[in-house]
Amino acid sequence: TGFVAFYQPIVRLSDRAVIGHEALLRWRHERRGLLAPGEFIGLGEDSGLIEEVDWLMYAQVVKQLAFRSEGYISINVSPRHFRSADFADRMLRLVDSAGADPRRLRIEITEVALLDDV
C-alpha cells in the first residue's frame, strides 16, 4: 500500500533531546506525492476503509518500536476504534507479534473521541 507512518519528533524542551515520535498517517500517492490526512481521510471514511488503513499504520509503528531501542512512539486513535470491543486485544496481539515493548507505545485520544460520547 502507499500508506505510511510519518514520524514527527517529540522534543524535551529542557535539553532539546528527542524523546519520542508521533506517528502521523500519510499517503504516498503515485501521482500527487505525499498527502496529508485532510486530503484523503474523508474518502476513507466514506468508503469504510479507513479503519483498515489505521491498522496498516499501527502495524508499521509496532515494527518500528521493535526495531528502535529508545524513545516512544505515540499514535492517534479515533473514536471508531474505542467503540470496538476487540481494540485493546487486537493492539496487544500486534505489539506482541512484532516483539515490541508495549510500554513504549503511547495512545493518544483525539479530542473528537472525548466529545463524541460524553
N, C-alpha and C. Protein backbone atom coordinates (compact mmCIF):
# COMPACT_ATOMS: atom_id res chain seq x y z
N THR A 1 0.84 -1.19 0.00
CA THR A 1 0.00 0.00 0.00
C THR A 1 0.88 1.24 0.00
N GLY A 2 0.29 2.37 -0.29
CA GLY A 2 1.01 3.63 -0.28
C GLY A 2 0.85 4.37 1.03
N PHE A 3 0.21 3.77 2.02
CA PHE A 3 0.02 4.43 3.31
C PHE A 3 1.25 4.19 4.18
N VAL A 4 1.76 5.28 4.74
CA VAL A 4 2.99 5.20 5.54
C VAL A 4 2.84 6.01 6.82
N ALA A 5 3.61 5.60 7.81
CA ALA A 5 3.69 6.37 9.05
C ALA A 5 4.82 7.37 8.89
N PHE A 6 4.50 8.63 9.12
CA PHE A 6 5.47 9.72 9.07
C PHE A 6 5.77 10.06 10.53
N TYR A 7 7.03 10.02 10.93
CA TYR A 7 7.40 10.17 12.33
C TYR A 7 7.85 11.59 12.65
N GLN A 8 7.04 12.28 13.43
CA GLN A 8 7.34 13.65 13.86
C GLN A 8 8.04 13.57 15.21
N PRO A 9 9.23 14.13 15.33
CA PRO A 9 9.96 14.07 16.62
C PRO A 9 9.22 14.82 17.73
N ILE A 10 9.34 14.28 18.93
CA ILE A 10 8.85 14.94 20.14
C ILE A 10 10.10 15.30 20.94
N VAL A 11 10.27 16.59 21.21
CA VAL A 11 11.49 17.10 21.81
C VAL A 11 11.23 17.57 23.23
N ARG A 12 12.10 17.16 24.15
CA ARG A 12 12.05 17.66 25.52
C ARG A 12 12.63 19.07 25.51
N LEU A 13 11.87 20.04 26.00
CA LEU A 13 12.28 21.43 25.92
C LEU A 13 13.52 21.75 26.76
N SER A 14 13.68 21.09 27.90
CA SER A 14 14.79 21.46 28.79
C SER A 14 16.16 21.24 28.17
N ASP A 15 16.32 20.20 27.35
CA ASP A 15 17.64 19.95 26.75
C ASP A 15 17.57 19.69 25.24
N ARG A 16 16.39 19.82 24.68
CA ARG A 16 16.17 19.64 23.24
C ARG A 16 16.47 18.23 22.73
N ALA A 17 16.42 17.27 23.63
CA ALA A 17 16.64 15.87 23.23
C ALA A 17 15.35 15.30 22.63
N VAL A 18 15.48 14.50 21.60
CA VAL A 18 14.33 13.80 21.02
C VAL A 18 14.03 12.61 21.92
N ILE A 19 12.84 12.61 22.52
CA ILE A 19 12.48 11.56 23.47
C ILE A 19 11.43 10.60 22.91
N GLY A 20 10.87 10.93 21.76
CA GLY A 20 9.87 10.07 21.16
C GLY A 20 9.46 10.62 19.81
N HIS A 21 8.47 9.98 19.23
CA HIS A 21 7.94 10.40 17.94
C HIS A 21 6.43 10.20 17.92
N GLU A 22 5.76 11.04 17.18
CA GLU A 22 4.34 10.85 16.94
C GLU A 22 4.20 10.32 15.52
N ALA A 23 3.51 9.19 15.39
CA ALA A 23 3.30 8.59 14.07
C ALA A 23 2.07 9.24 13.45
N LEU A 24 2.27 9.83 12.29
CA LEU A 24 1.20 10.51 11.57
C LEU A 24 0.98 9.80 10.23
N LEU A 25 -0.25 9.53 9.91
CA LEU A 25 -0.59 8.82 8.69
C LEU A 25 -0.41 9.72 7.47
N ARG A 26 0.25 9.19 6.45
CA ARG A 26 0.41 9.86 5.17
C ARG A 26 0.14 8.86 4.06
N TRP A 27 -0.26 9.36 2.91
CA TRP A 27 -0.48 8.50 1.74
C TRP A 27 0.51 8.92 0.66
N ARG A 28 1.36 7.99 0.28
CA ARG A 28 2.32 8.24 -0.78
C ARG A 28 1.63 7.92 -2.11
N HIS A 29 0.99 8.94 -2.67
CA HIS A 29 0.20 8.79 -3.90
C HIS A 29 1.14 8.76 -5.09
N GLU A 30 0.88 7.87 -6.04
CA GLU A 30 1.80 7.70 -7.18
C GLU A 30 1.92 8.94 -8.05
N ARG A 31 0.88 9.75 -8.13
CA ARG A 31 0.94 10.95 -8.98
C ARG A 31 1.04 12.25 -8.18
N ARG A 32 0.42 12.28 -7.01
CA ARG A 32 0.34 13.54 -6.25
C ARG A 32 1.38 13.66 -5.14
N GLY A 33 2.16 12.62 -4.91
CA GLY A 33 3.19 12.68 -3.88
C GLY A 33 2.65 12.35 -2.50
N LEU A 34 3.29 12.89 -1.47
CA LEU A 34 2.93 12.61 -0.08
C LEU A 34 1.74 13.47 0.33
N LEU A 35 0.63 12.81 0.67
CA LEU A 35 -0.60 13.52 1.02
C LEU A 35 -0.86 13.46 2.51
N ALA A 36 -1.28 14.58 3.08
CA ALA A 36 -1.67 14.66 4.49
C ALA A 36 -3.09 14.12 4.65
N PRO A 37 -3.47 13.72 5.86
CA PRO A 37 -4.78 13.11 6.08
C PRO A 37 -5.97 13.93 5.59
N GLY A 38 -5.90 15.24 5.68
CA GLY A 38 -7.02 16.07 5.24
C GLY A 38 -7.38 15.86 3.78
N GLU A 39 -6.42 15.34 3.00
CA GLU A 39 -6.64 15.14 1.59
C GLU A 39 -7.24 13.77 1.25
N PHE A 40 -7.32 12.86 2.24
CA PHE A 40 -7.85 11.53 1.92
C PHE A 40 -8.71 10.88 3.00
N ILE A 41 -8.69 11.39 4.22
CA ILE A 41 -9.45 10.76 5.31
C ILE A 41 -10.94 10.71 5.00
N GLY A 42 -11.50 11.78 4.45
CA GLY A 42 -12.93 11.79 4.12
C GLY A 42 -13.30 10.66 3.17
N LEU A 43 -12.49 10.46 2.17
CA LEU A 43 -12.72 9.37 1.22
C LEU A 43 -12.65 8.02 1.91
N GLY A 44 -11.65 7.86 2.78
CA GLY A 44 -11.50 6.61 3.52
C GLY A 44 -12.67 6.34 4.44
N GLU A 45 -13.17 7.38 5.09
CA GLU A 45 -14.32 7.21 5.97
C GLU A 45 -15.58 6.90 5.19
N ASP A 46 -15.76 7.59 4.06
CA ASP A 46 -16.94 7.34 3.22
C ASP A 46 -16.95 5.92 2.67
N SER A 47 -15.78 5.39 2.35
CA SER A 47 -15.69 4.04 1.77
C SER A 47 -15.68 2.96 2.84
N GLY A 48 -15.47 3.34 4.10
CA GLY A 48 -15.40 2.36 5.17
C GLY A 48 -14.04 1.70 5.30
N LEU A 49 -13.04 2.16 4.55
CA LEU A 49 -11.73 1.52 4.55
C LEU A 49 -10.74 2.14 5.54
N ILE A 50 -11.11 3.26 6.13
CA ILE A 50 -10.15 3.98 6.96
C ILE A 50 -9.71 3.17 8.18
N GLU A 51 -10.58 2.34 8.73
CA GLU A 51 -10.19 1.54 9.89
C GLU A 51 -9.07 0.58 9.53
N GLU A 52 -9.16 -0.06 8.38
CA GLU A 52 -8.08 -0.98 7.98
C GLU A 52 -6.79 -0.22 7.64
N VAL A 53 -6.93 0.99 7.11
CA VAL A 53 -5.75 1.82 6.86
C VAL A 53 -5.07 2.14 8.19
N ASP A 54 -5.86 2.45 9.22
CA ASP A 54 -5.29 2.69 10.55
C ASP A 54 -4.50 1.48 11.02
N TRP A 55 -5.06 0.29 10.84
CA TRP A 55 -4.37 -0.92 11.30
C TRP A 55 -3.09 -1.18 10.52
N LEU A 56 -3.07 -0.81 9.24
CA LEU A 56 -1.82 -0.91 8.47
C LEU A 56 -0.75 0.00 9.08
N MET A 57 -1.16 1.20 9.47
CA MET A 57 -0.22 2.13 10.08
C MET A 57 0.22 1.61 11.46
N TYR A 58 -0.72 1.11 12.25
CA TYR A 58 -0.35 0.58 13.57
C TYR A 58 0.68 -0.54 13.43
N ALA A 59 0.54 -1.38 12.41
CA ALA A 59 1.50 -2.47 12.19
C ALA A 59 2.88 -1.90 11.87
N GLN A 60 2.93 -0.85 11.07
CA GLN A 60 4.22 -0.20 10.77
C GLN A 60 4.84 0.37 12.03
N VAL A 61 4.01 0.98 12.86
CA VAL A 61 4.50 1.61 14.08
C VAL A 61 5.09 0.58 15.04
N VAL A 62 4.39 -0.54 15.26
CA VAL A 62 4.93 -1.51 16.22
C VAL A 62 6.19 -2.18 15.68
N LYS A 63 6.33 -2.30 14.37
CA LYS A 63 7.58 -2.81 13.80
C LYS A 63 8.72 -1.83 14.09
N GLN A 64 8.43 -0.53 13.98
CA GLN A 64 9.44 0.48 14.33
C GLN A 64 9.81 0.40 15.81
N LEU A 65 8.80 0.18 16.66
CA LEU A 65 9.08 0.06 18.10
C LEU A 65 10.01 -1.11 18.36
N ALA A 66 9.81 -2.22 17.68
CA ALA A 66 10.66 -3.39 17.86
C ALA A 66 12.06 -3.13 17.32
N PHE A 67 12.16 -2.33 16.28
CA PHE A 67 13.43 -2.04 15.62
C PHE A 67 14.26 -1.01 16.39
N ARG A 68 13.60 0.04 16.88
CA ARG A 68 14.29 1.10 17.61
C ARG A 68 14.47 0.71 19.06
N SER A 69 15.56 1.14 19.65
CA SER A 69 15.83 0.74 21.03
C SER A 69 15.49 1.82 22.05
N GLU A 70 15.22 3.04 21.60
CA GLU A 70 14.97 4.12 22.56
C GLU A 70 13.75 4.93 22.18
N GLY A 71 13.22 5.61 23.18
CA GLY A 71 12.10 6.51 22.95
C GLY A 71 10.77 5.80 22.83
N TYR A 72 9.75 6.58 22.63
CA TYR A 72 8.40 6.04 22.48
C TYR A 72 7.83 6.52 21.16
N ILE A 73 6.74 5.89 20.76
CA ILE A 73 6.00 6.34 19.59
C ILE A 73 4.55 6.47 20.01
N SER A 74 3.96 7.60 19.70
CA SER A 74 2.54 7.80 20.00
C SER A 74 1.73 7.69 18.72
N ILE A 75 0.54 7.15 18.88
CA ILE A 75 -0.40 7.03 17.76
C ILE A 75 -1.71 7.68 18.16
N ASN A 76 -2.36 8.26 17.18
CA ASN A 76 -3.69 8.82 17.40
C ASN A 76 -4.73 7.73 17.13
N VAL A 77 -5.68 7.62 18.03
CA VAL A 77 -6.71 6.60 17.89
C VAL A 77 -8.06 7.29 17.81
N SER A 78 -8.81 6.93 16.80
CA SER A 78 -10.10 7.59 16.55
C SER A 78 -11.22 6.95 17.39
N PRO A 79 -12.34 7.64 17.49
CA PRO A 79 -13.47 7.12 18.27
C PRO A 79 -13.96 5.76 17.79
N ARG A 80 -13.90 5.50 16.49
CA ARG A 80 -14.42 4.22 15.99
C ARG A 80 -13.65 3.04 16.57
N HIS A 81 -12.36 3.23 16.87
CA HIS A 81 -11.60 2.15 17.47
C HIS A 81 -11.99 1.93 18.93
N PHE A 82 -12.29 3.01 19.64
CA PHE A 82 -12.68 2.87 21.04
C PHE A 82 -14.05 2.22 21.19
N ARG A 83 -14.86 2.27 20.16
CA ARG A 83 -16.16 1.60 20.19
C ARG A 83 -16.03 0.10 19.91
N SER A 84 -14.89 -0.31 19.41
CA SER A 84 -14.66 -1.71 19.07
C SER A 84 -14.26 -2.49 20.32
N ALA A 85 -15.00 -3.55 20.61
CA ALA A 85 -14.74 -4.35 21.82
C ALA A 85 -13.39 -5.05 21.77
N ASP A 86 -12.85 -5.29 20.59
CA ASP A 86 -11.59 -6.03 20.50
C ASP A 86 -10.38 -5.15 20.22
N PHE A 87 -10.53 -3.83 20.31
CA PHE A 87 -9.42 -2.93 20.00
C PHE A 87 -8.17 -3.24 20.85
N ALA A 88 -8.33 -3.28 22.17
CA ALA A 88 -7.17 -3.47 23.06
C ALA A 88 -6.52 -4.83 22.79
N ASP A 89 -7.31 -5.88 22.68
CA ASP A 89 -6.74 -7.21 22.42
C ASP A 89 -6.02 -7.25 21.08
N ARG A 90 -6.63 -6.66 20.07
CA ARG A 90 -6.01 -6.65 18.74
C ARG A 90 -4.69 -5.87 18.76
N MET A 91 -4.68 -4.74 19.44
CA MET A 91 -3.46 -3.93 19.52
C MET A 91 -2.38 -4.68 20.28
N LEU A 92 -2.72 -5.31 21.40
CA LEU A 92 -1.73 -6.05 22.17
C LEU A 92 -1.18 -7.25 21.39
N ARG A 93 -2.03 -7.93 20.62
CA ARG A 93 -1.55 -9.04 19.78
C ARG A 93 -0.57 -8.52 18.73
N LEU A 94 -0.87 -7.37 18.15
CA LEU A 94 0.00 -6.76 17.13
C LEU A 94 1.36 -6.42 17.74
N VAL A 95 1.35 -5.82 18.91
CA VAL A 95 2.59 -5.46 19.61
C VAL A 95 3.39 -6.71 19.95
N ASP A 96 2.70 -7.71 20.46
CA ASP A 96 3.36 -8.96 20.85
C ASP A 96 3.97 -9.67 19.64
N SER A 97 3.23 -9.74 18.54
CA SER A 97 3.74 -10.45 17.36
C SER A 97 4.95 -9.75 16.74
N ALA A 98 5.07 -8.45 16.95
CA ALA A 98 6.22 -7.70 16.43
C ALA A 98 7.41 -7.76 17.38
N GLY A 99 7.17 -8.23 18.59
CA GLY A 99 8.24 -8.27 19.58
C GLY A 99 8.58 -6.90 20.13
N ALA A 100 7.60 -6.01 20.13
CA ALA A 100 7.80 -4.64 20.60
C ALA A 100 7.47 -4.53 22.08
N ASP A 101 8.03 -3.51 22.72
CA ASP A 101 7.77 -3.23 24.13
C ASP A 101 6.51 -2.36 24.23
N PRO A 102 5.42 -2.89 24.78
CA PRO A 102 4.18 -2.10 24.84
C PRO A 102 4.29 -0.85 25.69
N ARG A 103 5.27 -0.79 26.59
CA ARG A 103 5.45 0.40 27.43
C ARG A 103 5.94 1.59 26.63
N ARG A 104 6.43 1.33 25.42
CA ARG A 104 6.95 2.41 24.57
C ARG A 104 5.93 2.88 23.54
N LEU A 105 4.72 2.36 23.61
CA LEU A 105 3.64 2.78 22.71
C LEU A 105 2.69 3.68 23.50
N ARG A 106 2.48 4.86 22.99
CA ARG A 106 1.53 5.79 23.63
C ARG A 106 0.34 5.97 22.71
N ILE A 107 -0.83 5.85 23.29
CA ILE A 107 -2.06 6.00 22.53
C ILE A 107 -2.66 7.35 22.87
N GLU A 108 -2.82 8.17 21.85
CA GLU A 108 -3.41 9.50 22.04
C GLU A 108 -4.88 9.44 21.65
N ILE A 109 -5.68 9.98 22.52
CA ILE A 109 -7.12 10.03 22.27
C ILE A 109 -7.43 11.40 21.68
N THR A 110 -8.03 11.39 20.52
CA THR A 110 -8.36 12.66 19.87
C THR A 110 -9.46 13.37 20.66
N GLU A 111 -9.47 14.69 20.55
CA GLU A 111 -10.50 15.47 21.22
C GLU A 111 -11.88 15.06 20.74
N VAL A 112 -11.98 14.69 19.48
CA VAL A 112 -13.27 14.25 18.92
C VAL A 112 -13.77 13.03 19.67
N ALA A 113 -12.87 12.12 20.03
CA ALA A 113 -13.27 10.91 20.75
C ALA A 113 -13.86 11.26 22.11
N LEU A 114 -13.30 12.26 22.76
CA LEU A 114 -13.79 12.66 24.06
C LEU A 114 -15.14 13.36 23.97
N LEU A 115 -15.36 14.11 22.91
CA LEU A 115 -16.59 14.86 22.75
C LEU A 115 -17.70 14.04 22.11
N ASP A 116 -17.31 12.95 21.45
CA ASP A 116 -18.26 12.14 20.69
C ASP A 116 -19.35 11.53 21.56
N ASP A 117 -18.97 11.01 22.74
CA ASP A 117 -19.93 10.34 23.59
C ASP A 117 -19.65 10.71 25.04
N VAL A 118 -20.08 11.89 25.43
CA VAL A 118 -19.81 12.38 26.77
C VAL A 118 -20.47 11.47 27.80
